[in-house]
């Protein structure tokens, strides 16, 4: 089956799934975006000339997180240190 030549059965099946009127309903022209902005009353924010820019943070130069040291050790956790190794 050669798809490059255009299989009529595949075209019919595609048109059953995507009828021509549904494909035309989603046409996106350049003016659609502007029309929607006008309809919804969208007004872009105007930034003041002397506005302070948002603070910038450099992820590479900031301090590294060090978790708080936990001094608690459950009873018996270090008992293995008292057992001499056999050296296997």
C-alpha atoms as a PDB file:
ATOM      1  CA  UNK A   1       0.000   0.000   0.000  1.00  0.00           C
ATOM      2  CA  UNK A   2       1.628   3.238  -1.124  1.00  0.00           C
ATOM      3  CA  UNK A   3       0.723   6.185   1.085  1.00  0.00           C
ATOM      4  CA  UNK A   4       2.556   8.709  -1.074  1.00  0.00           C
ATOM      5  CA  UNK A   5       0.179   8.080  -3.964  1.00  0.00           C
ATOM      6  CA  UNK A   6      -2.801   8.577  -1.659  1.00  0.00           C
ATOM      7  CA  UNK A   7      -4.904   5.600  -0.702  1.00  0.00           C
ATOM      8  CA  UNK A   8      -8.581   6.531  -1.273  1.00  0.00           C
ATOM      9  CA  UNK A   9      -9.732   4.162   1.485  1.00  0.00           C
ATOM     10  CA  UNK A  10      -7.462   5.911   4.019  1.00  0.00           C
ATOM     11  CA  UNK A  11      -8.748   9.291   2.887  1.00  0.00           C
ATOM     12  CA  UNK A  12     -12.346   8.173   3.371  1.00  0.00           C
ATOM     13  CA  UNK A  13     -11.543   6.838   6.835  1.00  0.00           C
ATOM     14  CA  UNK A  14      -9.790  10.060   7.774  1.00  0.00           C
ATOM     15  CA  UNK A  15     -12.747  12.143   6.647  1.00  0.00           C
ATOM     16  CA  UNK A  16     -15.100   9.968   8.726  1.00  0.00           C
ATOM     17  CA  UNK A  17     -13.034  10.722  11.832  1.00  0.00           C
ATOM     18  CA  UNK A  18     -12.302  14.361  10.935  1.00  0.00           C
ATOM     19  CA  UNK A  19     -15.122  15.763   8.819  1.00  0.00           C
ATOM     20  CA  UNK A  20     -14.189  18.782   6.731  1.00  0.00           C
ATOM     21  CA  UNK A  21     -16.372  21.212   8.710  1.00  0.00           C
ATOM     22  CA  UNK A  22     -14.700  20.246  12.024  1.00  0.00           C
ATOM     23  CA  UNK A  23     -11.259  20.860  10.538  1.00  0.00           C
ATOM     24  CA  UNK A  24     -12.299  24.295   9.267  1.00  0.00           C
ATOM     25  CA  UNK A  25     -13.704  25.218  12.674  1.00  0.00           C
ATOM     26  CA  UNK A  26     -10.191  25.174  14.145  1.00  0.00           C
ATOM     27  CA  UNK A  27      -8.562  27.348  11.509  1.00  0.00           C
ATOM     28  CA  UNK A  28      -6.106  29.660  13.185  1.00  0.00           C
ATOM     29  CA  UNK A  29      -5.489  32.859  11.306  1.00  0.00           C
ATOM     30  CA  UNK A  30      -3.212  35.626  12.448  1.00  0.00           C
ATOM     31  CA  UNK A  31      -6.055  37.956  13.438  1.00  0.00           C
ATOM     32  CA  UNK A  32      -7.839  35.478  15.760  1.00  0.00           C
ATOM     33  CA  UNK A  33      -5.587  36.228  18.702  1.00  0.00           C
ATOM     34  CA  UNK A  34      -6.101  39.975  18.379  1.00  0.00           C
ATOM     35  CA  UNK A  35      -9.882  39.558  18.070  1.00  0.00           C
ATOM     36  CA  UNK A  36     -10.022  37.433  21.233  1.00  0.00           C
ATOM     37  CA  UNK A  37      -7.979  40.024  23.130  1.00  0.00           C
ATOM     38  CA  UNK A  38     -10.385  42.743  22.014  1.00  0.00           C
ATOM     39  CA  UNK A  39     -13.487  40.683  22.922  1.00  0.00           C
ATOM     40  CA  UNK A  40     -12.264  39.733  26.388  1.00  0.00           C
ATOM     41  CA  UNK A  41     -11.040  43.225  27.266  1.00  0.00           C
ATOM     42  CA  UNK A  42      -7.423  42.165  27.702  1.00  0.00           C
ATOM     43  CA  UNK A  43      -5.176  45.124  28.458  1.00  0.00           C
ATOM     44  CA  UNK A  44      -1.439  44.486  28.706  1.00  0.00           C
ATOM     45  CA  UNK A  45       0.203  45.883  31.823  1.00  0.00           C
ATOM     46  CA  UNK A  46       2.329  48.972  31.348  1.00  0.00           C
ATOM     47  CA  UNK A  47       5.553  48.890  33.321  1.00  0.00           C
ATOM     48  CA  UNK A  48       6.851  52.085  34.828  1.00  0.00           C
ATOM     49  CA  UNK A  49      10.200  53.280  33.520  1.00  0.00           C
ATOM     50  CA  UNK A  50      11.691  53.455  37.008  1.00  0.00           C
ATOM     51  CA  UNK A  51      10.289  50.084  38.129  1.00  0.00           C
ATOM     52  CA  UNK A  52      12.683  47.901  40.092  1.00  0.00           C
ATOM     53  CA  UNK A  53      13.358  44.595  38.341  1.00  0.00           C
ATOM     54  CA  UNK A  54      12.557  41.417  40.277  1.00  0.00           C
ATOM     55  CA  UNK A  55      15.402  40.038  42.378  1.00  0.00           C
ATOM     56  CA  UNK A  56      17.602  37.610  40.502  1.00  0.00           C
ATOM     57  CA  UNK A  57      18.990  34.518  42.169  1.00  0.00           C
ATOM     58  CA  UNK A  58      22.027  32.653  40.924  1.00  0.00           C
ATOM     59  CA  UNK A  59      21.536  28.960  41.669  1.00  0.00           C
ATOM     60  CA  UNK A  60      25.256  28.246  41.406  1.00  0.00           C
ATOM     61  CA  UNK A  61      26.484  30.892  43.837  1.00  0.00           C
ATOM     62  CA  UNK A  62      23.876  30.647  46.591  1.00  0.00           C
ATOM     63  CA  UNK A  63      24.618  29.008  49.946  1.00  0.00           C
ATOM     64  CA  UNK A  64      24.285  25.259  50.004  1.00  0.00           C
ATOM     65  CA  UNK A  65      21.650  23.760  52.277  1.00  0.00           C
ATOM     66  CA  UNK A  66      23.112  21.996  55.307  1.00  0.00           C
ATOM     67  CA  UNK A  67      20.556  19.972  57.247  1.00  0.00           C
ATOM     68  CA  UNK A  68      20.491  20.464  61.015  1.00  0.00           C
ATOM     69  CA  UNK A  69      22.750  18.054  62.862  1.00  0.00           C
ATOM     70  CA  UNK A  70      20.835  15.321  64.657  1.00  0.00           C
ATOM     71  CA  UNK A  71      22.641  14.401  67.864  1.00  0.00           C
ATOM     72  CA  UNK A  72      20.175  11.693  68.867  1.00  0.00           C
ATOM     73  CA  UNK A  73      21.368   8.101  68.418  1.00  0.00           C
ATOM     74  CA  UNK A  74      19.006   5.331  69.463  1.00  0.00           C
ATOM     75  CA  UNK A  75      20.195   3.166  72.333  1.00  0.00           C
ATOM     76  CA  UNK A  76      22.304   0.232  71.117  1.00  0.00           C
ATOM     77  CA  UNK A  77      22.988   1.703  67.672  1.00  0.00           C
ATOM     78  CA  UNK A  78      26.768   1.764  68.226  1.00  0.00           C
ATOM     79  CA  UNK A  79      27.065  -1.666  69.892  1.00  0.00           C
ATOM     80  CA  UNK A  80      28.600  -3.061  66.702  1.00  0.00           C
ATOM     81  CA  UNK A  81      31.696  -0.931  67.374  1.00  0.00           C
ATOM     82  CA  UNK A  82      32.484  -3.027  70.479  1.00  0.00           C
ATOM     83  CA  UNK A  83      32.648  -6.289  68.489  1.00  0.00           C
ATOM     84  CA  UNK A  84      36.110  -7.121  67.155  1.00  0.00           C
ATOM     85  CA  UNK A  85      36.203  -7.828  63.440  1.00  0.00           C
ATOM     86  CA  UNK A  86      37.254 -11.349  62.458  1.00  0.00           C
ATOM     87  CA  UNK A  87      38.867 -10.102  59.254  1.00  0.00           C
ATOM     88  CA  UNK A  88      37.043 -12.277  56.744  1.00  0.00           C
END
